[in-house]
């Protein structure tokens, strides 16, 4: 394919270049199955790369790319799985999802609609990923450009996983096949492995990572699409802030989970995120907040929610907010809710 790739037909969406870049934790679930199928125990592997194995039970969480990329590289180099990225994508394909973004993509009217929607929402899956549509010529093939980047962290395994998972999965919706697949890196597996996964000519050492498809396929209807599910998925995704949520929003979720267990320390948050303490402070400062401020806000919101929806006594409220001393609740309520202290616990529930 010799036609030059022209400038993007759509405004470029730059992938964040930061160790804060993350990928959805459900990726760990797929990797867990891939490793177990190959006879490996994934739990010590996750832990040795600073990834909390408990994330397997929290697929809505996130995994720092700075932890996942070295893990995949280790699996490829040390466990005899040079195609681990492609195996990961195959596992993802086999599992259905009811996620709003997936519903909108898989039930789009045409392949073009599906890919353009995925282009706008790829940050929901991975903040380091970029999808972009480029036209090689007026009536020529469509170039589906794929890029992964996070600071100086680069993983060829994640590139191959993303190429299959993010792009080919969408192409397959219309029963289409790519004309060519381009990778910037060299081959990681045998030609037979690439032929099995991509069913197209694969070129290495190219200017970009991309998939080319025929213009007719680009406009092809998705026969099994459900218009109602497409609209429902779009509506639900529009209400959810996770697509573009700042890093602090994901920290709030982890703080909320840890508070009732009284394990919400700065060290535990650093372990969860995989980010060093000083670096984490700087990232939060970039968003004009601190860990202490986020923790206080979550406590306030937890207490407000509990007071409006339940009849907990003071000790239970303290536990809900992660306090050991119930008097901490009454001491902070005026600051949180004003002079009246909001809906205070009954006098009989206050400490003597």
Protein backbone atom coordinates (compact mmCIF):
# COMPACT_ATOMS: atom_id res chain seq x y z
CA UNK A 1 0.00 0.00 0.00
CA UNK A 2 1.90 3.02 -1.28
CA UNK A 3 -0.63 5.85 -1.00
CA UNK A 4 0.57 8.49 1.46
CA UNK A 5 -1.51 9.15 4.52
CA UNK A 6 -2.91 12.67 4.45
CA UNK A 7 -3.52 14.84 7.47
CA UNK A 8 -6.31 13.68 9.78
CA UNK A 9 -9.86 14.23 8.63
CA UNK A 10 -10.80 14.96 12.24
CA UNK A 11 -9.24 17.06 14.94
CA UNK A 12 -6.43 15.14 16.58
CA UNK A 13 -6.98 14.00 20.15
CA UNK A 14 -3.63 13.76 21.84
CA UNK A 15 -3.08 10.90 24.25
CA UNK A 16 -1.99 12.02 27.69
CA UNK A 17 1.76 11.64 28.19
CA UNK A 18 1.97 10.94 31.89
CA UNK A 19 2.63 8.09 34.31
CA UNK A 20 -0.91 8.82 35.47
CA UNK A 21 -2.06 7.09 32.29
CA UNK A 22 -4.12 4.04 33.07
CA UNK A 23 -6.07 1.22 31.50
CA UNK A 24 -9.26 -0.34 32.84
CA UNK A 25 -8.70 -3.04 35.44
CA UNK A 26 -10.91 -5.50 33.55
CA UNK A 27 -7.81 -5.97 31.37
CA UNK A 28 -6.27 -7.77 34.35
CA UNK A 29 -9.16 -10.22 34.35
CA UNK A 30 -8.46 -11.12 30.73
CA UNK A 31 -4.72 -11.36 31.41
CA UNK A 32 -5.44 -13.59 34.42
CA UNK A 33 -7.23 -16.07 32.15
CA UNK A 34 -4.50 -15.93 29.49
CA UNK A 35 -1.78 -16.66 32.04
CA UNK A 36 -3.71 -19.46 33.73
CA UNK A 37 -4.44 -21.08 30.34
CA UNK A 38 -0.68 -21.12 29.73
CA UNK A 39 -0.05 -22.76 33.13
CA UNK A 40 1.17 -19.68 35.03
CA UNK A 41 -0.02 -18.27 38.35
CA UNK A 42 -0.81 -14.58 37.68
CA UNK A 43 -1.09 -13.44 41.31
CA UNK A 44 2.65 -13.35 42.17
CA UNK A 45 3.33 -11.84 38.75
CA UNK A 46 0.90 -9.00 39.40
CA UNK A 47 2.29 -8.39 42.88
CA UNK A 48 5.90 -8.41 41.67
CA UNK A 49 5.07 -5.57 39.26
CA UNK A 50 3.30 -3.43 41.85
CA UNK A 51 -0.22 -4.34 40.71
CA UNK A 52 -2.72 -5.08 43.46
CA UNK A 53 -4.24 -8.54 42.72
CA UNK A 54 -7.43 -7.34 44.47
CA UNK A 55 -8.15 -5.36 41.28
CA UNK A 56 -9.30 -8.65 39.78
CA UNK A 57 -12.39 -8.22 41.96
CA UNK A 58 -12.78 -4.55 40.96
CA UNK A 59 -12.86 -4.48 37.15
CA UNK A 60 -14.21 -0.92 37.25
CA UNK A 61 -10.88 0.21 38.74
CA UNK A 62 -7.79 1.28 36.84
CA UNK A 63 -4.24 -0.04 36.41
CA UNK A 64 -1.35 2.38 35.88
CA UNK A 65 0.26 1.82 32.48
CA UNK A 66 3.64 2.21 34.21
CA UNK A 67 2.89 -1.12 35.92
CA UNK A 68 1.12 -3.05 33.15
CA UNK A 69 3.64 -2.38 30.36
CA UNK A 70 6.64 -3.93 32.19
CA UNK A 71 4.45 -6.86 33.24
CA UNK A 72 3.52 -7.69 29.64
CA UNK A 73 7.12 -7.28 28.53
CA UNK A 74 8.21 -9.67 31.30
CA UNK A 75 5.58 -12.25 30.31
CA UNK A 76 6.66 -12.03 26.67
CA UNK A 77 10.39 -12.30 27.37
CA UNK A 78 10.50 -14.68 30.33
CA UNK A 79 7.45 -16.92 30.05
CA UNK A 80 7.69 -17.91 26.40
CA UNK A 81 4.67 -15.86 25.31
CA UNK A 82 5.91 -13.36 22.68
CA UNK A 83 2.31 -12.97 21.48
CA UNK A 84 0.81 -12.18 24.90
CA UNK A 85 -0.67 -8.90 23.58
CA UNK A 86 -2.55 -10.75 20.84
CA UNK A 87 -3.68 -13.46 23.26
CA UNK A 88 -5.02 -10.76 25.55
CA UNK A 89 -7.04 -9.28 22.69
CA UNK A 90 -8.43 -12.72 21.78
CA UNK A 91 -9.58 -13.26 25.36
CA UNK A 92 -11.29 -9.85 25.34
CA UNK A 93 -13.14 -10.75 22.14
CA UNK A 94 -14.65 -13.85 23.72
CA UNK A 95 -16.35 -11.96 26.53
CA UNK A 96 -19.54 -9.98 26.03
CA UNK A 97 -20.05 -6.69 27.81
CA UNK A 98 -22.97 -4.46 28.70
CA UNK A 99 -20.86 -1.35 29.24
CA UNK A 100 -22.63 1.76 27.83
CA UNK A 101 -19.73 2.69 25.53
CA UNK A 102 -19.55 -0.87 24.19
CA UNK A 103 -23.31 -0.96 23.65
CA UNK A 104 -23.11 2.22 21.59
CA UNK A 105 -20.18 0.96 19.51
CA UNK A 106 -21.40 -2.59 18.89
CA UNK A 107 -24.88 -1.42 17.91
CA UNK A 108 -23.91 1.54 15.72
CA UNK A 109 -25.61 1.79 12.30
CA UNK A 110 -22.40 1.51 10.24
CA UNK A 111 -18.74 0.71 10.74
CA UNK A 112 -17.97 4.41 10.31
CA UNK A 113 -20.38 5.35 13.12
CA UNK A 114 -18.93 2.67 15.38
CA UNK A 115 -15.33 3.71 14.89
CA UNK A 116 -15.95 7.44 15.20
CA UNK A 117 -17.79 6.86 18.47
CA UNK A 118 -14.93 4.69 19.68
CA UNK A 119 -12.48 7.41 18.66
CA UNK A 120 -14.25 9.89 20.93
CA UNK A 121 -14.52 7.54 23.90
CA UNK A 122 -11.29 5.52 23.79
CA UNK A 123 -10.06 7.41 26.88
CA UNK A 124 -12.69 5.52 28.88
CA UNK A 125 -10.76 2.30 28.27
CA UNK A 126 -7.23 3.68 28.37
CA UNK A 127 -6.06 7.27 28.78
CA UNK A 128 -2.84 6.49 26.91
CA UNK A 129 -4.59 5.33 23.73
CA UNK A 130 -5.42 7.34 20.63
CA UNK A 131 -7.69 6.30 17.77
CA UNK A 132 -7.91 8.47 14.70
CA UNK A 133 -9.39 8.26 11.22
CA UNK A 134 -7.24 9.28 8.26
CA UNK A 135 -8.00 9.17 4.53
CA UNK A 136 -5.16 7.97 2.30
CA UNK A 137 -6.83 9.50 -0.78
CA UNK A 138 -10.20 10.78 -1.94
CA UNK A 139 -11.59 7.38 -2.91
CA UNK A 140 -8.87 5.18 -1.46
CA UNK A 141 -8.77 3.02 1.64
CA UNK A 142 -9.44 4.39 5.11
CA UNK A 143 -6.54 4.46 7.55
CA UNK A 144 -7.50 3.72 11.15
CA UNK A 145 -4.58 5.15 13.05
CA UNK A 146 -3.75 3.74 16.46
CA UNK A 147 -1.23 5.09 18.94
CA UNK A 148 -0.21 4.29 22.47
CA UNK A 149 2.01 6.50 24.56
CA UNK A 150 2.64 7.45 28.18
CA UNK A 151 5.75 9.52 28.87
CA UNK A 152 8.71 7.40 27.80
CA UNK A 153 6.85 4.18 28.54
CA UNK A 154 6.22 2.18 25.41
CA UNK A 155 5.11 -1.41 25.09
CA UNK A 156 4.93 -3.19 21.76
CA UNK A 157 2.75 -5.79 23.47
CA UNK A 158 0.18 -3.16 24.44
CA UNK A 159 0.32 -1.78 20.90
CA UNK A 160 -0.55 -5.18 19.44
CA UNK A 161 -3.22 -5.74 22.08
CA UNK A 162 -4.77 -2.36 21.36
CA UNK A 163 -4.61 -2.78 17.62
CA UNK A 164 -6.58 -6.00 17.85
CA UNK A 165 -8.79 -5.02 20.74
CA UNK A 166 -9.61 -1.45 19.82
CA UNK A 167 -9.60 -1.52 16.04
CA UNK A 168 -10.07 -5.04 14.68
CA UNK A 169 -12.92 -5.77 17.10
CA UNK A 170 -14.80 -2.85 15.60
CA UNK A 171 -13.99 -3.86 12.01
CA UNK A 172 -15.28 -7.37 12.71
CA UNK A 173 -18.71 -5.95 13.57
CA UNK A 174 -19.42 -5.44 9.88
CA UNK A 175 -17.90 -8.77 8.86
CA UNK A 176 -14.98 -6.92 7.27
CA UNK A 177 -11.30 -7.69 6.99
CA UNK A 178 -8.40 -5.21 6.95
CA UNK A 179 -6.43 -4.66 3.76
CA UNK A 180 -3.15 -4.14 5.61
CA UNK A 181 -1.87 -3.73 9.16
CA UNK A 182 1.11 -1.51 9.98
CA UNK A 183 3.32 -1.60 13.05
CA UNK A 184 6.18 0.72 13.91
CA UNK A 185 7.97 -2.06 15.78
CA UNK A 186 9.52 -5.21 14.36
CA UNK A 187 7.88 -8.65 14.46
CA UNK A 188 7.48 -10.10 17.94
CA UNK A 189 6.09 -13.48 16.84
CA UNK A 190 6.24 -15.75 13.82
CA UNK A 191 4.50 -14.83 10.52
CA UNK A 192 1.98 -17.60 11.16
CA UNK A 193 0.84 -15.98 14.42
CA UNK A 194 0.26 -12.63 12.72
CA UNK A 195 -1.55 -14.30 9.81
CA UNK A 196 -3.88 -16.10 12.24
CA UNK A 197 -4.70 -12.96 14.21
CA UNK A 198 -4.97 -10.35 11.47
CA UNK A 199 -5.88 -12.29 8.31
CA UNK A 200 -4.15 -9.56 6.29
CA UNK A 201 -0.71 -8.44 5.19
CA UNK A 202 1.24 -7.15 8.21
CA UNK A 203 4.11 -4.72 7.71
CA UNK A 204 6.71 -3.79 10.32
CA UNK A 205 8.97 -0.78 10.77
CA UNK A 206 6.31 1.50 9.31
CA UNK A 207 5.79 5.23 10.04
CA UNK A 208 2.80 4.56 12.33
CA UNK A 209 0.62 1.84 13.83
CA UNK A 210 -2.47 1.62 11.64
CA UNK A 211 -5.06 -0.56 9.97
CA UNK A 212 -6.27 0.06 6.41
CA UNK A 213 -9.76 -0.92 5.31
CA UNK A 214 -11.68 -0.62 2.06
CA UNK A 215 -13.89 2.45 1.64
CA UNK A 216 -16.92 0.23 0.94
CA UNK A 217 -16.37 -1.59 4.24
CA UNK A 218 -16.10 1.77 6.02
CA UNK A 219 -19.68 2.53 5.03
CA UNK A 220 -20.98 -1.00 5.50
CA UNK A 221 -24.01 -1.40 7.81
CA UNK A 222 -23.63 -3.48 10.94
CA UNK A 223 -26.32 -6.08 10.32
CA UNK A 224 -26.83 -7.23 13.90
CA UNK A 225 -26.96 -3.73 15.37
CA UNK A 226 -29.86 -2.78 17.64
CA UNK A 227 -30.82 0.91 17.26
CA UNK A 228 -32.47 0.96 20.69
CA UNK A 229 -29.34 -0.39 22.41
CA UNK A 230 -27.19 2.07 20.49
CA UNK A 231 -29.22 5.03 21.73
CA UNK A 232 -29.39 3.65 25.25
CA UNK A 233 -25.64 3.17 25.35
CA UNK A 234 -25.02 6.71 24.12
CA UNK A 235 -27.41 8.15 26.71
CA UNK A 236 -25.85 6.23 29.59
CA UNK A 237 -22.31 7.05 28.49
CA UNK A 238 -23.19 10.74 28.24
CA UNK A 239 -24.26 10.77 31.89
CA UNK A 240 -21.09 9.10 33.10
CA UNK A 241 -18.09 11.28 33.82
CA UNK A 242 -15.58 8.43 33.73
CA UNK A 243 -14.83 9.04 30.05
CA UNK A 244 -12.93 12.21 30.85
CA UNK A 245 -12.61 12.02 34.63
CA UNK A 246 -9.47 13.58 36.12
CA UNK A 247 -7.06 11.44 38.08
CA UNK A 248 -8.43 12.75 41.39
CA UNK A 249 -11.86 11.33 40.52
CA UNK A 250 -10.46 7.81 40.46
CA UNK A 251 -8.64 8.43 43.74
CA UNK A 252 -11.95 9.46 45.30
CA UNK A 253 -13.40 6.07 44.39
CA UNK A 254 -10.52 4.24 46.06
CA UNK A 255 -10.72 6.50 49.14
CA UNK A 256 -14.43 5.74 49.45
CA UNK A 257 -13.70 2.02 49.33
CA UNK A 258 -10.96 2.16 51.97
CA UNK A 259 -12.51 4.54 54.51
CA UNK A 260 -14.95 2.13 56.22
CA UNK A 261 -12.09 -0.38 56.61
CA UNK A 262 -9.98 2.39 58.21
CA UNK A 263 -7.17 1.57 55.78
CA UNK A 264 -7.25 4.82 53.86
CA UNK A 265 -3.68 6.04 54.25
CA UNK A 266 -1.56 7.96 51.82
CA UNK A 267 0.72 4.92 51.52
CA UNK A 268 -2.22 2.67 50.59
CA UNK A 269 -3.30 5.11 47.87
CA UNK A 270 0.24 5.25 46.50
CA UNK A 271 0.34 1.44 46.42
CA UNK A 272 -3.00 1.28 44.63
CA UNK A 273 -2.04 3.85 41.99
CA UNK A 274 1.54 2.67 41.59
CA UNK A 275 2.73 6.28 41.84
CA UNK A 276 5.51 7.45 44.21
CA UNK A 277 4.36 9.74 47.07
CA UNK A 278 6.08 12.92 45.88
CA UNK A 279 4.86 12.39 42.32
CA UNK A 280 1.30 11.79 43.50
CA UNK A 281 1.35 15.06 45.47
CA UNK A 282 2.46 16.90 42.36
CA UNK A 283 -0.29 15.37 40.23
CA UNK A 284 -2.94 16.32 42.77
CA UNK A 285 -1.49 19.82 43.00
CA UNK A 286 -1.92 20.07 39.22
CA UNK A 287 -5.64 19.52 39.86
CA UNK A 288 -5.64 22.05 42.74
CA UNK A 289 -6.28 19.47 45.45
CA UNK A 290 -4.52 17.26 48.00
CA UNK A 291 -5.01 13.78 49.40
CA UNK A 292 -6.21 15.23 52.72
CA UNK A 293 -8.74 17.42 50.91
CA UNK A 294 -10.08 14.51 48.85
CA UNK A 295 -10.35 12.36 51.96
CA UNK A 296 -12.25 15.08 53.79
CA UNK A 297 -14.62 15.59 50.86
CA UNK A 298 -15.38 11.86 50.66
CA UNK A 299 -16.05 11.75 54.40
CA UNK A 300 -18.39 14.72 54.12
CA UNK A 301 -20.24 13.16 51.17
CA UNK A 302 -20.50 9.82 52.98
CA UNK A 303 -22.00 11.45 56.06
CA UNK A 304 -24.41 13.54 53.98
CA UNK A 305 -25.56 10.42 52.11
CA UNK A 306 -25.96 8.42 55.33
CA UNK A 307 -27.97 11.16 57.04
CA UNK A 308 -30.33 11.50 54.09
CA UNK A 309 -30.92 7.81 53.42
CA UNK A 310 -30.58 5.97 56.75
CA UNK A 311 -30.91 6.23 60.52
CA UNK A 312 -27.41 5.31 61.65
CA UNK A 313 -26.26 6.07 65.18
CA UNK A 314 -23.16 8.14 65.80
CA UNK A 315 -20.80 5.18 66.07
CA UNK A 316 -22.04 3.82 62.77
CA UNK A 317 -21.64 7.21 61.13
CA UNK A 318 -18.07 7.37 62.40
CA UNK A 319 -17.33 3.94 60.96
CA UNK A 320 -18.89 4.97 57.64
CA UNK A 321 -16.55 7.95 57.48
CA UNK A 322 -13.47 6.03 58.59
CA UNK A 323 -13.19 7.63 62.04
CA UNK A 324 -12.23 5.77 65.21
CA UNK A 325 -13.66 8.47 67.49
CA UNK A 326 -17.40 9.22 67.05
CA UNK A 327 -16.86 12.76 68.35
CA UNK A 328 -14.95 13.47 65.12
CA UNK A 329 -18.28 13.40 63.30
CA UNK A 330 -19.97 16.02 65.49
CA UNK A 331 -16.82 18.15 65.53
CA UNK A 332 -16.67 18.32 61.73
CA UNK A 333 -20.35 18.61 60.87
CA UNK A 334 -20.56 22.41 61.41
CA UNK A 335 -17.60 22.86 59.08
CA UNK A 336 -19.13 20.55 56.49
CA UNK A 337 -22.75 21.64 56.63
CA UNK A 338 -22.71 25.13 58.14
CA UNK A 339 -23.66 26.49 61.57
CA UNK A 340 -26.69 24.23 61.85
CA UNK A 341 -24.52 21.17 61.30
CA UNK A 342 -26.93 19.69 58.80
CA UNK A 343 -29.26 16.97 60.02
CA UNK A 344 -27.48 16.12 63.26
CA UNK A 345 -27.79 12.79 65.05
CA UNK A 346 -30.39 12.66 67.79
CA UNK A 347 -29.26 13.72 71.27
CA UNK A 348 -29.58 10.14 72.50
CA UNK A 349 -27.06 9.08 69.86
CA UNK A 350 -24.37 11.56 70.88
CA UNK A 351 -21.50 10.47 73.08
CA UNK A 352 -21.79 11.16 76.81
